[in-house]
Amino acid sequence: MSIKDDVIVFLKRKQTQLMERYAIWEDIQSEYLELYSLCQKEMDRIDWIAELIRKKMFELKESE
């Protein structure tokens, strides 16, 4: 397994963790409507990070 493959596996794991965190914030948002803005801000941040990871994984896969 190459270093590139190791990095891709690591990024996939991080992306999974982010999506789990996103789901938690969605649950909080639906339970506590008064926290909607705070939750949405955190969900947007998580989504932004996940998008960066998706782009990097795509770049790594394309460079093979």
PDB file of N, CA and C in Angstrom:
ATOM      1  N   MET A   1       0.851  -1.172   0.000  1.00  0.00           N
ATOM      2  CA  MET A   1       0.000   0.000   0.000  1.00  0.00           C
ATOM      3  C   MET A   1       0.906   1.248   0.000  1.00  0.00           C
ATOM      4  N   SER A   2       0.616   2.165  -0.883  1.00  0.00           N
ATOM      5  CA  SER A   2       1.437   3.371  -0.995  1.00  0.00           C
ATOM      6  C   SER A   2       1.002   4.421   0.034  1.00  0.00           C
ATOM      7  N   ILE A   3       1.841   5.407   0.182  1.00  0.00           N
ATOM      8  CA  ILE A   3       1.524   6.504   1.100  1.00  0.00           C
ATOM      9  C   ILE A   3       0.244   7.203   0.655  1.00  0.00           C
ATOM     10  N   LYS A   4       0.081   7.343  -0.660  1.00  0.00           N
ATOM     11  CA  LYS A   4      -1.117   7.990  -1.186  1.00  0.00           C
ATOM     12  C   LYS A   4      -2.370   7.221  -0.769  1.00  0.00           C
ATOM     13  N   ASP A   5      -2.303   5.898  -0.837  1.00  0.00           N
ATOM     14  CA  ASP A   5      -3.441   5.078  -0.417  1.00  0.00           C
ATOM     15  C   ASP A   5      -3.723   5.244   1.079  1.00  0.00           C
ATOM     16  N   ASP A   6      -2.661   5.318   1.863  1.00  0.00           N
ATOM     17  CA  ASP A   6      -2.819   5.523   3.309  1.00  0.00           C
ATOM     18  C   ASP A   6      -3.504   6.858   3.590  1.00  0.00           C
ATOM     19  N   VAL A   7      -3.101   7.886   2.854  1.00  0.00           N
ATOM     20  CA  VAL A   7      -3.694   9.214   3.035  1.00  0.00           C
ATOM     21  C   VAL A   7      -5.170   9.188   2.653  1.00  0.00           C
ATOM     22  N   ILE A   8      -5.502   8.519   1.571  1.00  0.00           N
ATOM     23  CA  ILE A   8      -6.900   8.427   1.137  1.00  0.00           C
ATOM     24  C   ILE A   8      -7.742   7.710   2.189  1.00  0.00           C
ATOM     25  N   VAL A   9      -7.223   6.629   2.743  1.00  0.00           N
ATOM     26  CA  VAL A   9      -7.932   5.893   3.797  1.00  0.00           C
ATOM     27  C   VAL A   9      -8.144   6.795   5.013  1.00  0.00           C
ATOM     28  N   PHE A  10      -7.099   7.533   5.394  1.00  0.00           N
ATOM     29  CA  PHE A  10      -7.205   8.447   6.523  1.00  0.00           C
ATOM     30  C   PHE A  10      -8.261   9.519   6.258  1.00  0.00           C
ATOM     31  N   LEU A  11      -8.251  10.090   5.060  1.00  0.00           N
ATOM     32  CA  LEU A  11      -9.225  11.131   4.714  1.00  0.00           C
ATOM     33  C   LEU A  11     -10.650  10.591   4.709  1.00  0.00           C
ATOM     34  N   LYS A  12     -10.831   9.364   4.241  1.00  0.00           N
ATOM     35  CA  LYS A  12     -12.169   8.747   4.261  1.00  0.00           C
ATOM     36  C   LYS A  12     -12.655   8.588   5.697  1.00  0.00           C
ATOM     37  N   ARG A  13     -11.743   8.181   6.588  1.00  0.00           N
ATOM     38  CA  ARG A  13     -12.101   8.032   7.999  1.00  0.00           C
ATOM     39  C   ARG A  13     -12.501   9.371   8.607  1.00  0.00           C
ATOM     40  N   LYS A  14     -11.723  10.404   8.305  1.00  0.00           N
ATOM     41  CA  LYS A  14     -12.034  11.745   8.803  1.00  0.00           C
ATOM     42  C   LYS A  14     -13.378  12.225   8.263  1.00  0.00           C
ATOM     43  N   GLN A  15     -13.640  11.950   7.005  1.00  0.00           N
ATOM     44  CA  GLN A  15     -14.902  12.365   6.404  1.00  0.00           C
ATOM     45  C   GLN A  15     -16.079  11.660   7.086  1.00  0.00           C
ATOM     46  N   THR A  16     -15.915  10.398   7.393  1.00  0.00           N
ATOM     47  CA  THR A  16     -16.954   9.656   8.105  1.00  0.00           C
ATOM     48  C   THR A  16     -17.210  10.264   9.482  1.00  0.00           C
ATOM     49  N   GLN A  17     -16.133  10.604  10.187  1.00  0.00           N
ATOM     50  CA  GLN A  17     -16.272  11.239  11.498  1.00  0.00           C
ATOM     51  C   GLN A  17     -17.000  12.580  11.396  1.00  0.00           C
ATOM     52  N   LEU A  18     -16.664  13.334  10.367  1.00  0.00           N
ATOM     53  CA  LEU A  18     -17.330  14.627  10.172  1.00  0.00           C
ATOM     54  C   LEU A  18     -18.820  14.443   9.913  1.00  0.00           C
ATOM     55  N   MET A  19     -19.183  13.462   9.111  1.00  0.00           N
ATOM     56  CA  MET A  19     -20.589  13.248   8.802  1.00  0.00           C
ATOM     57  C   MET A  19     -21.359  12.772  10.033  1.00  0.00           C
ATOM     58  N   GLU A  20     -20.690  12.017  10.906  1.00  0.00           N
ATOM     59  CA  GLU A  20     -21.323  11.620  12.162  1.00  0.00           C
ATOM     60  C   GLU A  20     -21.565  12.855  13.042  1.00  0.00           C
ATOM     61  N   ARG A  21     -20.582  13.733  13.083  1.00  0.00           N
ATOM     62  CA  ARG A  21     -20.717  14.974  13.859  1.00  0.00           C
ATOM     63  C   ARG A  21     -21.832  15.842  13.270  1.00  0.00           C
ATOM     64  N   TYR A  22     -21.910  15.884  11.949  1.00  0.00           N
ATOM     65  CA  TYR A  22     -22.955  16.654  11.266  1.00  0.00           C
ATOM     66  C   TYR A  22     -24.339  16.139  11.681  1.00  0.00           C
ATOM     67  N   ALA A  23     -24.481  14.823  11.728  1.00  0.00           N
ATOM     68  CA  ALA A  23     -25.764  14.223  12.118  1.00  0.00           C
ATOM     69  C   ALA A  23     -26.137  14.594  13.553  1.00  0.00           C
ATOM     70  N   ILE A  24     -25.139  14.645  14.422  1.00  0.00           N
ATOM     71  CA  ILE A  24     -25.401  15.043  15.809  1.00  0.00           C
ATOM     72  C   ILE A  24     -25.916  16.476  15.857  1.00  0.00           C
ATOM     73  N   TRP A  25     -25.277  17.368  15.106  1.00  0.00           N
ATOM     74  CA  TRP A  25     -25.726  18.767  15.077  1.00  0.00           C
ATOM     75  C   TRP A  25     -27.124  18.884  14.488  1.00  0.00           C
ATOM     76  N   GLU A  26     -27.440  18.052  13.500  1.00  0.00           N
ATOM     77  CA  GLU A  26     -28.813  18.057  12.941  1.00  0.00           C
ATOM     78  C   GLU A  26     -29.826  17.679  14.014  1.00  0.00           C
ATOM     79  N   ASP A  27     -29.495  16.677  14.804  1.00  0.00           N
ATOM     80  CA  ASP A  27     -30.387  16.256  15.891  1.00  0.00           C
ATOM     81  C   ASP A  27     -30.579  17.369  16.911  1.00  0.00           C
ATOM     82  N   ILE A  28     -29.486  18.004  17.282  1.00  0.00           N
ATOM     83  CA  ILE A  28     -29.560  19.111  18.247  1.00  0.00           C
ATOM     84  C   ILE A  28     -30.415  20.237  17.676  1.00  0.00           C
ATOM     85  N   GLN A  29     -30.191  20.533  16.408  1.00  0.00           N
ATOM     86  CA  GLN A  29     -30.937  21.604  15.749  1.00  0.00           C
ATOM     87  C   GLN A  29     -32.440  21.329  15.756  1.00  0.00           C
ATOM     88  N   SER A  30     -32.821  20.086  15.528  1.00  0.00           N
ATOM     89  CA  SER A  30     -34.250  19.768  15.492  1.00  0.00           C
ATOM     90  C   SER A  30     -34.867  19.755  16.893  1.00  0.00           C
ATOM     91  N   GLU A  31     -34.072  19.438  17.896  1.00  0.00           N
ATOM     92  CA  GLU A  31     -34.581  19.411  19.276  1.00  0.00           C
ATOM     93  C   GLU A  31     -34.660  20.796  19.907  1.00  0.00           C
ATOM     94  N   TYR A  32     -33.697  21.644  19.613  1.00  0.00           N
ATOM     95  CA  TYR A  32     -33.588  22.948  20.259  1.00  0.00           C
ATOM     96  C   TYR A  32     -33.638  24.043  19.199  1.00  0.00           C
ATOM     97  N   LEU A  33     -34.825  24.436  18.837  1.00  0.00           N
ATOM     98  CA  LEU A  33     -34.999  25.415  17.769  1.00  0.00           C
ATOM     99  C   LEU A  33     -34.337  26.754  18.082  1.00  0.00           C
ATOM    100  N   GLU A  34     -34.201  27.075  19.367  1.00  0.00           N
ATOM    101  CA  GLU A  34     -33.567  28.348  19.731  1.00  0.00           C
ATOM    102  C   GLU A  34     -32.060  28.343  19.411  1.00  0.00           C
ATOM    103  N   LEU A  35     -31.505  27.178  19.176  1.00  0.00           N
ATOM    104  CA  LEU A  35     -30.083  27.066  18.827  1.00  0.00           C
ATOM    105  C   LEU A  35     -29.864  26.896  17.325  1.00  0.00           C
ATOM    106  N   TYR A  36     -30.908  27.146  16.543  1.00  0.00           N
ATOM    107  CA  TYR A  36     -30.853  26.906  15.107  1.00  0.00           C
ATOM    108  C   TYR A  36     -29.645  27.586  14.457  1.00  0.00           C
ATOM    109  N   SER A  37     -29.436  28.854  14.750  1.00  0.00           N
ATOM    110  CA  SER A  37     -28.359  29.614  14.112  1.00  0.00           C
ATOM    111  C   SER A  37     -26.985  29.047  14.461  1.00  0.00           C
ATOM    112  N   LEU A  38     -26.776  28.748  15.721  1.00  0.00           N
ATOM    113  CA  LEU A  38     -25.508  28.178  16.157  1.00  0.00           C
ATOM    114  C   LEU A  38     -25.265  26.822  15.490  1.00  0.00           C
ATOM    115  N   CYS A  39     -26.292  25.996  15.482  1.00  0.00           N
ATOM    116  CA  CYS A  39     -26.174  24.669  14.878  1.00  0.00           C
ATOM    117  C   CYS A  39     -25.898  24.780  13.382  1.00  0.00           C
ATOM    118  N   GLN A  40     -26.602  25.674  12.722  1.00  0.00           N
ATOM    119  CA  GLN A  40     -26.429  25.829  11.280  1.00  0.00           C
ATOM    120  C   GLN A  40     -25.011  26.292  10.950  1.00  0.00           C
ATOM    121  N   LYS A  41     -24.484  27.180  11.768  1.00  0.00           N
ATOM    122  CA  LYS A  41     -23.115  27.662  11.552  1.00  0.00           C
ATOM    123  C   LYS A  41     -22.118  26.511  11.667  1.00  0.00           C
ATOM    124  N   GLU A  42     -22.292  25.676  12.669  1.00  0.00           N
ATOM    125  CA  GLU A  42     -21.390  24.535  12.852  1.00  0.00           C
ATOM    126  C   GLU A  42     -21.568  23.510  11.741  1.00  0.00           C
ATOM    127  N   MET A  43     -22.796  23.278  11.308  1.00  0.00           N
ATOM    128  CA  MET A  43     -23.048  22.350  10.215  1.00  0.00           C
ATOM    129  C   MET A  43     -22.425  22.861   8.917  1.00  0.00           C
ATOM    130  N   ASP A  44     -22.500  24.151   8.681  1.00  0.00           N
ATOM    131  CA  ASP A  44     -21.873  24.739   7.492  1.00  0.00           C
ATOM    132  C   ASP A  44     -20.355  24.560   7.537  1.00  0.00           C
ATOM    133  N   ARG A  45     -19.774  24.747   8.716  1.00  0.00           N
ATOM    134  CA  ARG A  45     -18.328  24.579   8.877  1.00  0.00           C
ATOM    135  C   ARG A  45     -17.915  23.128   8.611  1.00  0.00           C
ATOM    136  N   ILE A  46     -18.683  22.196   9.147  1.00  0.00           N
ATOM    137  CA  ILE A  46     -18.398  20.776   8.941  1.00  0.00           C
ATOM    138  C   ILE A  46     -18.525  20.424   7.465  1.00  0.00           C
ATOM    139  N   ASP A  47     -19.551  20.931   6.826  1.00  0.00           N
ATOM    140  CA  ASP A  47     -19.756  20.663   5.404  1.00  0.00           C
ATOM    141  C   ASP A  47     -18.608  21.231   4.568  1.00  0.00           C
ATOM    142  N   TRP A  48     -18.123  22.412   4.931  1.00  0.00           N
ATOM    143  CA  TRP A  48     -17.009  23.039   4.221  1.00  0.00           C
ATOM    144  C   TRP A  48     -15.753  22.172   4.341  1.00  0.00           C
ATOM    145  N   ILE A  49     -15.457  21.684   5.546  1.00  0.00           N
ATOM    146  CA  ILE A  49     -14.293  20.823   5.758  1.00  0.00           C
ATOM    147  C   ILE A  49     -14.446  19.517   4.976  1.00  0.00           C
ATOM    148  N   ALA A  50     -15.634  18.938   5.017  1.00  0.00           N
ATOM    149  CA  ALA A  50     -15.879  17.690   4.280  1.00  0.00           C
ATOM    150  C   ALA A  50     -15.694  17.896   2.781  1.00  0.00           C
ATOM    151  N   GLU A  51     -16.079  19.047   2.273  1.00  0.00           N
ATOM    152  CA  GLU A  51     -15.893  19.337   0.856  1.00  0.00           C
ATOM    153  C   GLU A  51     -14.409  19.431   0.510  1.00  0.00           C
ATOM    154  N   LEU A  52     -13.625  20.041   1.379  1.00  0.00           N
ATOM    155  CA  LEU A  52     -12.178  20.092   1.154  1.00  0.00           C
ATOM    156  C   LEU A  52     -11.581  18.684   1.101  1.00  0.00           C
ATOM    157  N   ILE A  53     -12.046  17.834   1.985  1.00  0.00           N
ATOM    158  CA  ILE A  53     -11.563  16.449   2.009  1.00  0.00           C
ATOM    159  C   ILE A  53     -11.964  15.735   0.721  1.00  0.00           C
ATOM    160  N   ARG A  54     -13.212  15.920   0.279  1.00  0.00           N
ATOM    161  CA  ARG A  54     -13.660  15.286  -0.973  1.00  0.00           C
ATOM    162  C   ARG A  54     -12.793  15.728  -2.139  1.00  0.00           C
ATOM    163  N   LYS A  55     -12.499  17.015  -2.211  1.00  0.00           N
ATOM    164  CA  LYS A  55     -11.661  17.534  -3.302  1.00  0.00           C
ATOM    165  C   LYS A  55     -10.267  16.936  -3.256  1.00  0.00           C
ATOM    166  N   LYS A  56      -9.680  16.870  -2.071  1.00  0.00           N
ATOM    167  CA  LYS A  56      -8.332  16.325  -1.942  1.00  0.00           C
ATOM    168  C   LYS A  56      -8.303  14.845  -2.313  1.00  0.00           C
ATOM    169  N   MET A  57      -9.304  14.072  -1.883  1.00  0.00           N
ATOM    170  CA  MET A  57      -9.366  12.650  -2.249  1.00  0.00           C
ATOM    171  C   MET A  57      -9.489  12.509  -3.763  1.00  0.00           C
ATOM    172  N   PHE A  58     -10.297  13.327  -4.382  1.00  0.00           N
ATOM    173  CA  PHE A  58     -10.454  13.287  -5.833  1.00  0.00           C
ATOM    174  C   PHE A  58      -9.121  13.586  -6.520  1.00  0.00           C
ATOM    175  N   GLU A  59      -8.426  14.622  -6.047  1.00  0.00           N
ATOM    176  CA  GLU A  59      -7.128  14.967  -6.622  1.00  0.00           C
ATOM    177  C   GLU A  59      -6.136  13.819  -6.477  1.00  0.00           C
ATOM    178  N   LEU A  60      -6.112  13.197  -5.310  1.00  0.00           N
ATOM    179  CA  LEU A  60      -5.195  12.084  -5.093  1.00  0.00           C
ATOM    180  C   LEU A  60      -5.519  10.887  -5.988  1.00  0.00           C
ATOM    181  N   LYS A  61      -6.795  10.581  -6.120  1.00  0.00           N
ATOM    182  CA  LYS A  61      -7.202   9.465  -6.964  1.00  0.00           C
ATOM    183  C   LYS A  61      -6.910   9.729  -8.432  1.00  0.00           C
ATOM    184  N   GLU A  62      -7.087  10.969  -8.861  1.00  0.00           N
ATOM    185  CA  GLU A  62      -6.848  11.333 -10.256  1.00  0.00           C
ATOM    186  C   GLU A  62      -5.360  11.326 -10.603  1.00  0.00           C
ATOM    187  N   SER A  63      -4.498  11.525  -9.629  1.00  0.00           N
ATOM    188  CA  SER A  63      -3.076  11.602  -9.897  1.00  0.00           C
ATOM    189  C   SER A  63      -2.402  10.228  -9.982  1.00  0.00           C
ATOM    190  N   GLU A  64      -3.184   9.166  -9.870  1.00  0.00           N
ATOM    191  CA  GLU A  64      -2.619   7.808  -9.929  1.00  0.00           C
ATOM    192  C   GLU A  64      -2.193   7.438 -11.324  1.00  0.00           C
TER     193      GLU A  64
END
